Protein backbone atom coordinates (compact mmCIF):
# COMPACT_ATOMS: atom_id res chain seq x y z
CA MET A 1 106.33 74.51 141.89
CA LYS A 2 105.05 71.39 140.88
CA ASN A 3 104.38 70.54 144.90
CA PHE A 4 102.70 73.97 144.65
CA TRP A 5 100.15 72.94 142.48
CA LEU A 6 99.71 69.33 143.77
CA THR A 7 98.76 70.84 147.07
CA PHE A 8 96.57 73.60 145.60
CA PHE A 9 94.68 71.10 143.71
CA GLU A 10 94.57 68.57 146.73
CA GLY A 11 93.62 71.53 148.94
CA LEU A 12 95.52 72.66 152.26
CA VAL A 13 93.86 73.08 155.47
CA GLU A 14 95.89 75.38 158.45
CA VAL A 15 96.04 74.19 161.84
CA LYS A 16 96.26 75.48 165.32
CA MET A 17 96.93 73.41 168.01
CA LYS A 18 97.33 74.10 171.84
CA GLY A 19 99.33 71.76 174.25
CA ILE A 20 102.95 70.50 175.24
CA GLY A 21 105.21 68.70 173.25
CA ALA A 22 103.88 69.97 169.89
CA GLU A 23 107.38 68.97 168.54
CA ARG A 24 106.44 64.93 169.70
CA PHE A 25 102.98 65.10 167.58
CA ILE A 26 104.72 66.78 164.80
CA ASN A 27 107.13 63.83 164.39
CA ARG A 28 104.54 60.96 165.26
CA LEU A 29 102.24 62.47 162.36
CA CYS A 30 105.25 62.37 159.88
CA LYS A 31 106.02 58.74 160.62
CA GLU A 32 102.68 58.49 159.92
CA GLY A 33 102.72 59.21 156.88
CA VAL A 34 101.07 62.79 156.91
CA ALA A 35 103.00 65.89 155.33
CA VAL A 36 103.30 68.73 157.54
CA PHE A 37 103.90 72.30 156.22
CA GLN A 38 104.49 75.90 157.30
CA PHE A 39 105.31 74.53 160.83
CA LYS A 40 105.41 77.65 163.54
CA LYS A 41 105.57 77.91 167.33
CA LEU A 42 103.64 80.85 167.89
CA ASP A 43 104.48 80.19 172.24
CA LYS A 44 105.12 77.54 174.77
CA GLU A 45 101.88 76.29 174.01
CA ILE A 46 100.41 77.27 170.82
CA SER A 47 101.78 76.54 167.38
CA THR A 48 100.29 76.38 163.61
CA TYR A 49 100.94 74.12 160.49
CA GLN A 50 99.33 72.93 157.02
CA ILE A 51 98.12 69.62 156.26
CA ARG A 52 96.48 68.29 153.40
CA LEU A 53 93.06 67.93 152.99
CA SER A 54 92.85 64.37 152.42
CA ASN A 55 95.35 64.32 156.08
CA ILE A 56 92.37 65.20 157.95
CA ARG A 57 91.09 61.85 158.92
CA SER A 58 94.45 60.19 159.68
CA LEU A 59 94.96 63.36 162.22
CA ARG A 60 91.85 63.09 164.23
CA LYS A 61 93.08 59.04 164.28
CA ILE A 62 95.85 60.20 165.71
CA ALA A 63 95.07 62.96 167.80
CA ARG A 64 92.92 60.60 169.91
CA GLY A 65 93.79 60.52 173.56
CA GLN A 66 96.34 63.05 173.19
CA ALA A 67 96.19 66.41 175.57
CA PHE A 68 95.79 68.62 172.56
CA LYS A 69 93.09 71.06 171.62
CA PHE A 70 92.77 71.53 167.89
CA SER A 71 90.89 74.24 165.46
CA PHE A 72 90.83 75.21 161.51
CA THR A 73 91.83 78.62 161.48
CA ARG A 74 92.25 78.42 157.34
CA ARG A 75 91.48 76.78 154.42
CA LYS A 76 92.18 77.41 150.95
CA GLY A 77 93.12 75.58 147.58
CA MET A 78 90.38 73.95 144.57
CA PRO A 79 88.37 71.68 146.43
CA PHE A 80 87.35 74.96 149.16
CA PHE A 81 86.70 77.14 145.76
CA LEU A 82 84.57 75.24 144.39
CA ASN A 83 82.88 74.64 147.17
CA LYS A 84 82.29 78.47 147.35
CA LEU A 85 81.25 78.66 143.79
CA MET A 86 78.29 76.07 144.30
CA LYS A 87 77.34 78.46 147.31
CA ASN A 88 77.02 81.15 144.47
CA LYS A 89 75.42 78.93 141.45
CA GLY A 90 73.53 82.07 139.45
CA LEU A 91 77.57 83.21 138.91
CA VAL A 92 78.71 79.79 138.21
CA ILE A 93 76.18 79.18 135.32
CA GLY A 94 76.32 83.06 134.67
CA ILE A 95 80.19 83.47 133.73
CA PRO A 96 80.36 80.27 131.44
CA PHE A 97 76.89 81.39 129.80
CA PHE A 98 78.35 85.07 129.16
CA ILE A 99 81.77 84.02 128.06
CA ALA A 100 79.69 81.67 125.30
CA ILE A 101 77.46 84.32 124.13
CA VAL A 102 80.19 87.11 123.62
CA PHE A 103 82.15 84.24 121.72
CA VAL A 104 79.40 83.29 119.33
CA LEU A 105 78.78 87.20 118.74
CA SER A 106 82.51 87.75 118.09
CA ASN A 107 82.45 85.16 115.62
CA ILE A 108 79.43 86.70 113.35
CA VAL A 109 80.07 89.14 110.84
CA TRP A 110 78.11 92.39 111.97
CA SER A 111 79.92 94.69 109.23
CA ILE A 112 81.15 94.67 106.16
CA LYS A 113 84.22 97.68 105.41
CA ILE A 114 85.27 98.57 101.86
CA ASP A 115 88.15 101.55 101.73
CA GLY A 116 89.41 102.69 98.23
CA ALA A 117 86.75 101.63 95.92
CA SER A 118 84.58 104.43 93.92
CA ILE A 119 80.82 103.97 94.53
CA GLU A 120 80.09 102.04 91.39
CA THR A 121 82.93 99.67 92.33
CA GLU A 122 82.35 98.92 95.94
CA GLN A 123 78.58 98.57 94.46
CA LYS A 124 79.82 95.66 92.25
CA ILE A 125 81.80 94.26 95.45
CA ARG A 126 78.76 94.04 97.70
CA LYS A 127 76.67 92.29 94.73
CA GLN A 128 79.36 89.81 94.33
CA LEU A 129 80.20 89.33 97.92
CA LYS A 130 76.23 88.20 98.25
CA LEU A 131 76.55 86.19 95.37
CA MET A 132 79.42 84.32 97.43
CA ASP A 133 76.96 84.33 100.19
CA VAL A 134 79.40 86.24 102.11
CA ARG A 135 76.92 88.81 103.86
CA ILE A 136 76.24 90.24 108.19
CA GLY A 137 74.65 88.06 110.41
CA LYS A 138 76.68 84.48 109.28
CA PHE A 139 78.96 83.13 111.13
CA SER A 140 82.64 84.01 110.04
CA PHE A 141 84.18 80.99 109.82
CA ASN A 142 81.74 79.48 107.14
CA GLU A 143 82.34 82.63 105.13
CA GLY A 144 85.50 81.26 103.69
CA ASP A 145 89.29 81.84 103.83
CA PRO A 146 89.90 85.50 103.21
CA LYS A 147 92.73 84.72 100.43
CA ALA A 148 90.06 82.66 98.34
CA ILE A 149 87.53 85.71 98.71
CA GLN A 150 90.14 87.70 97.31
CA LYS A 151 90.70 86.29 94.53
CA ARG A 152 87.43 85.40 93.43
CA LEU A 153 86.91 89.55 93.88
CA THR A 154 89.35 90.03 91.57
CA ASP A 155 88.86 87.61 88.74
CA GLU A 156 85.04 88.85 88.74
CA ILE A 157 85.83 92.76 88.70
CA PRO A 158 88.23 93.97 86.04
CA ASN A 159 88.44 97.40 87.01
CA ILE A 160 90.05 96.02 90.18
CA THR A 161 94.01 95.77 90.72
CA TRP A 162 94.18 94.68 93.70
CA ILE A 163 92.17 93.71 96.87
CA GLY A 164 93.03 92.81 100.49
CA VAL A 165 90.38 90.53 102.85
CA GLN A 166 90.87 91.40 106.56
CA SER A 167 88.97 89.33 108.78
CA ARG A 168 88.97 91.04 112.14
CA GLY A 169 86.73 89.62 114.63
CA ALA A 170 83.15 90.30 113.45
CA VAL A 171 84.03 92.91 110.60
CA TYR A 172 85.47 92.24 107.18
CA HIS A 173 87.43 94.71 106.04
CA LEU A 174 88.43 95.42 102.45
CA ARG A 175 91.16 97.49 101.00
CA VAL A 176 90.67 98.50 97.34
CA VAL A 177 92.92 99.34 94.61
CA GLU A 178 91.51 100.50 91.12
CA LYS A 179 92.92 100.40 88.18
CA LEU A 180 93.47 103.88 86.31
CA ILE A 181 92.97 102.87 82.59
CA PRO A 182 93.90 106.13 81.00
CA LYS A 183 91.37 107.44 78.37
CA LYS A 184 92.46 109.58 75.82
CA GLU A 185 89.91 112.57 76.35
CA ILE A 186 88.42 113.29 72.26
CA ASP A 187 87.03 116.26 73.26
CA LYS A 188 89.64 117.40 75.03
CA SER A 189 92.32 120.34 73.02
CA TYR A 190 95.89 120.45 73.42
CA PRO A 191 98.39 123.29 72.02
CA MET A 192 99.54 120.29 69.87
CA LEU A 193 99.11 116.76 69.24
CA VAL A 194 102.34 114.62 68.95
CA SER A 195 103.50 111.05 67.84
CA THR A 196 103.83 108.44 70.61
CA LYS A 197 106.11 106.14 68.74
CA LYS A 198 107.83 105.99 65.41
CA ALA A 199 105.16 105.05 62.58
CA TYR A 200 104.04 105.07 58.95
CA ILE A 201 100.45 108.11 58.84
CA VAL A 202 98.03 105.30 57.72
CA GLN A 203 94.92 108.06 58.33
CA THR A 204 94.08 111.27 60.16
CA MET A 205 90.82 111.75 61.70
CA ILE A 206 91.03 116.17 62.43
CA GLU A 207 88.23 117.78 64.37
CA THR A 208 90.46 120.94 64.97
CA GLY A 209 94.02 122.58 64.74
CA GLN A 210 96.04 122.04 61.55
CA ILE A 211 97.70 118.81 60.23
CA LEU A 212 101.32 118.65 59.76
CA VAL A 213 101.72 115.29 58.37
CA VAL A 214 100.46 113.53 55.22
CA LYS A 215 99.75 109.89 54.50
CA LYS A 216 102.80 107.06 54.34
CA GLN A 217 104.54 110.15 55.71
CA LEU A 218 107.01 108.33 58.36
CA VAL A 219 107.25 110.06 61.71
CA GLU A 220 109.30 109.94 64.32
CA LYS A 221 108.59 109.49 68.10
CA GLY A 222 108.02 112.90 69.60
CA GLN A 223 107.19 114.18 66.39
CA PRO A 224 104.27 117.50 66.11
CA LEU A 225 101.94 115.48 63.94
CA VAL A 226 98.38 118.44 64.46
CA ASP A 227 99.19 121.81 65.73
CA GLY A 228 96.97 123.85 67.44
CA TYR A 229 96.95 126.99 66.18
CA ILE A 230 95.65 128.15 62.81
CA GLY A 231 96.81 130.55 60.28
CA SER A 232 100.01 132.35 59.77
CA GLY A 233 102.05 135.38 60.16
CA GLU A 234 102.81 137.14 63.75
CA ASN A 235 99.06 136.40 64.90
CA PRO A 236 97.80 132.85 64.54
CA LYS A 237 94.50 131.94 66.02
CA TYR A 238 94.43 129.21 68.68
CA VAL A 239 91.60 126.42 68.21
CA GLY A 240 93.04 123.54 69.73
CA ALA A 241 94.32 120.50 68.24
CA LYS A 242 91.96 117.41 68.60
CA GLY A 243 91.76 114.24 66.70
CA ILE A 244 92.84 110.83 65.49
CA VAL A 245 96.26 109.92 63.77
CA LEU A 246 96.29 106.13 63.09
CA GLY A 247 99.82 105.13 62.18
CA GLU A 248 101.27 101.60 61.20
CA THR A 249 103.86 100.32 63.93
CA TRP A 250 105.65 97.24 64.22
CA TYR A 251 106.26 94.94 67.20
CA GLN A 252 108.43 91.66 67.76
CA THR A 253 107.38 89.32 70.22
CA THR A 254 109.48 86.16 71.20
CA SER A 255 107.71 82.55 72.63
CA GLU A 256 109.13 79.38 73.99
CA VAL A 257 107.85 76.40 74.55
CA PRO A 258 109.07 72.98 75.20
CA LEU A 259 108.40 70.24 73.85
CA LYS A 260 107.78 67.70 76.64
CA THR A 261 105.80 68.99 79.81
CA THR A 262 104.97 67.11 83.09
CA PHE A 263 101.81 68.44 84.88
CA GLN A 264 99.82 67.38 87.64
CA LYS A 265 95.80 66.80 86.40
CA LEU A 266 93.16 66.91 89.08
CA THR A 267 90.42 63.82 89.14
CA GLY A 268 87.74 65.37 91.06
CA ASN A 269 88.27 63.05 93.77
CA THR A 270 88.44 64.61 97.40
CA LYS A 271 88.36 63.85 100.85
CA THR A 272 88.29 66.46 103.38
CA LYS A 273 89.35 66.84 106.91
CA HIS A 274 88.30 68.41 109.99
CA GLN A 275 90.36 70.00 112.85
CA LEU A 276 90.52 71.84 115.81
CA LYS A 277 93.95 73.50 116.22
CA LEU A 278 94.45 74.86 119.97
CA PHE A 279 97.51 76.37 120.17
CA ASN A 280 99.49 73.96 117.95
CA ILE A 281 97.94 71.09 118.71
CA THR A 282 95.66 69.79 116.30
CA ILE A 283 92.46 67.71 117.48
CA PRO A 284 90.26 65.44 114.49
CA ILE A 285 86.74 66.32 114.31
CA TRP A 286 85.43 65.33 111.42
CA GLY A 287 87.00 62.88 108.67
CA PHE A 288 89.18 60.07 110.37
CA GLY A 289 91.75 57.84 108.67
CA HIS A 290 94.31 58.61 105.79
CA SER A 291 93.30 59.49 102.13
CA LYS A 292 94.05 56.31 99.76
CA PHE A 293 95.56 58.67 96.93
CA LYS A 294 98.70 57.66 95.39
CA GLU A 295 99.23 61.20 94.29
CA LYS A 296 97.75 64.40 95.84
CA THR A 297 97.54 68.33 96.53
CA ILE A 298 96.45 69.25 99.76
CA GLU A 299 94.45 72.61 100.42
CA ARG A 300 94.81 74.06 103.89
CA VAL A 301 91.83 76.82 105.02
CA GLN A 302 92.62 77.93 108.91
CA THR A 303 89.34 80.12 110.62
CA ASP A 304 90.16 81.95 113.22
CA PHE A 305 87.77 81.85 116.35
CA HIS A 306 87.83 85.91 118.02
CA PHE A 307 86.83 87.14 121.95
CA TRP A 308 85.13 90.50 120.93
CA LYS A 309 88.43 92.12 119.20
CA TRP A 310 91.20 89.44 119.96
CA LYS A 311 92.34 86.89 118.31
CA ILE A 312 92.23 83.41 119.98
CA PRO A 313 94.73 81.06 119.61
CA LEU A 314 91.88 78.49 118.31
CA SER A 315 90.70 77.84 114.81
CA ILE A 316 89.06 75.34 112.95
CA VAL A 317 91.13 73.80 110.00
CA LYS A 318 89.73 72.71 106.69
CA VAL A 319 91.99 70.19 104.85
CA GLN A 320 91.46 68.73 101.58
CA TYR A 321 92.92 66.16 99.94
CA ASN A 322 92.71 66.11 95.75
CA GLU A 323 93.48 63.34 94.14
CA ALA A 324 95.77 63.85 91.00
CA VAL A 325 97.61 62.25 88.36
CA THR A 326 100.98 62.94 86.29
CA THR A 327 100.47 64.20 82.66
CA ILE A 328 103.36 64.27 80.14
CA ARG A 329 102.42 65.79 77.06
CA ILE A 330 104.58 65.27 74.35
CA LEU A 331 104.27 67.74 71.36
CA THR A 332 105.67 67.49 67.99
CA GLN A 333 107.59 69.84 66.32
CA GLU A 334 104.88 71.34 64.00
CA GLU A 335 102.74 71.65 67.25
CA GLY A 336 105.15 73.26 69.44
CA MET A 337 105.45 75.79 66.66
CA GLU A 338 101.90 76.59 66.02
CA LEU A 339 101.80 76.78 70.52
CA ALA A 340 104.55 79.26 70.39
CA LYS A 341 103.13 81.61 67.68
CA GLU A 342 99.64 81.58 69.85
CA ASN A 343 101.65 82.28 72.65
CA ALA A 344 103.58 85.22 70.92
CA TYR A 345 100.52 86.74 69.37
CA LYS A 346 98.88 86.76 73.07
CA ASP A 347 102.08 88.74 74.34
CA LEU A 348 101.36 91.35 71.50
CA LEU A 349 98.02 92.06 72.36
CA LEU A 350 98.79 92.66 76.47
CA SER A 351 101.22 95.70 75.04
CA ILE A 352 98.84 97.32 72.31
CA PRO A 353 95.94 99.43 72.77
CA PRO A 354 92.50 97.61 73.18
CA ASP A 355 91.49 98.99 69.62
CA ALA A 356 93.92 98.69 67.89
CA LYS A 357 94.32 96.19 64.84
CA VAL A 358 97.20 94.01 63.56
CA LEU A 359 97.64 93.84 59.87
CA LYS A 360 100.12 91.05 59.43
CA ARG A 361 102.42 88.24 61.37
CA ASN A 362 105.50 87.11 59.88
CA LEU A 363 108.20 84.83 61.13
CA LEU A 364 111.28 86.47 61.52
CA GLN A 365 113.44 83.42 63.16
CA LYS A 366 113.14 80.11 64.87
CA LYS A 367 114.89 77.79 66.79
CA ILE A 368 113.89 73.78 67.19
CA SER A 369 115.92 71.42 69.58
CA SER A 370 115.37 68.37 70.87
CA ASP A 371 113.38 69.95 73.66
CA LYS A 372 111.67 73.00 72.74
CA VAL A 373 110.63 75.40 69.94
CA MET A 374 111.29 78.74 69.78
CA VAL A 375 110.09 81.65 67.66
CA MET A 376 110.49 85.65 67.34
CA MET A 377 107.59 87.07 65.78
CA HIS A 378 107.07 90.45 63.67
CA TYR A 379 103.91 92.27 63.72
CA GLU A 380 102.18 95.01 61.69
CA VAL A 381 100.09 97.17 63.69
CA ILE A 382 97.30 100.38 63.21
CA GLU A 383 97.05 102.23 65.90
CA ASP A 384 96.38 105.91 67.22
CA ILE A 385 99.83 107.57 68.00
CA ALA A 386 98.89 110.65 68.39
CA ALA A 387 98.86 111.84 72.44
CA GLY A 388 98.51 116.14 74.00
CA SER A 389 101.15 117.95 74.43
CA GLY A 390 101.57 121.04 76.19
CA ASP A 391 99.18 120.72 78.74
CA GLU A 392 99.30 120.23 82.34
CA ASP A 393 97.85 116.87 82.20
CA GLU A 394 99.94 115.62 79.72
CA TYR A 395 99.46 112.75 77.99
CA PRO A 396 102.33 110.55 78.63
CA ILE A 397 104.57 108.93 75.57
CA SER A 398 104.61 105.44 75.97
CA ASP A 399 108.20 103.48 75.57
CA SER A 400 106.82 100.14 74.29
CA ASP A 401 108.62 97.82 72.47
CA GLU A 402 107.67 98.57 68.65
CA ILE A 403 110.79 98.63 66.41
CA GLU A 404 112.77 101.31 65.91
């Protein structure tokens, strides 16, 4: 295989020789250092063989004074291929120009598709993309890393649970999963309103229906609060149960804080390098030398190139070195206690409805050791505990971590 490629790039010429004594002439060529390939004896006087293009002069020199007639019947290899191309300069210029045009157009954003989002959310996403300078007509390798775009959109648009960003050549494809926020329909009536958890009744604001509980009454989870039927006897009238029942509920949260924490803090000093990556080979194109940072974090962003709709093994890699310093935070027991209480309160807010009100907070238990602080907090919360029951779209009774 190695000899094949060597002879291909050098070029081969097939020689047709007419005369008697071809074998002796071939032996003389070999002695003079002329490599001979594919020697064939066609008849008593005619034979063919191949030699390298670079050995033509040697052949002519050795053939002088010999009783042979020579002719070149075939030419192959890179030199002859290039010679043919040079005769077709339009094709030589046109093919690379066409490839370059397709390559450039394949790496420009021509479309941004958004699937799974409502019209309102899609408008928010497109507006945010414009603020991020991600728009149609720009080169895709200037648009940034799809993961960075994904994180920015998730942070900026609150009603998105997840968004996937894919760069498919000239098309950005975004798949969106919106948050399903269950909204209690106050204007909708149910056959019955029941309690979603154990609680003390604080206040009732009923529009329609018959109230079954009184203030300061202790109710259990699933206990009826408002009946959608009014009246007594054999023919009660259905008006639907609709309204709000506020109850005092109880929660416990636990938080643990280490007194000594080691973390890295960025100083803001950076060094950026750009590399061209072909297969697994990287070639520096901007930003040479090594970073002088003793401690650093490294961020790599790879932007792939496309040809038409196919990804090619060529990409630009941006490597950013961020200087960092190691910081040790040491808290006193009092500071650790306050931070643990604050974290416990944050955990509580994640588990109660947004419109709930925290009445009291009490420290149930604390543990202090040489390296950490642990607290267990108790909270009294006022929230709407009523949920519709008996409807096809029955409001789910949540299994929260309130104290039974």
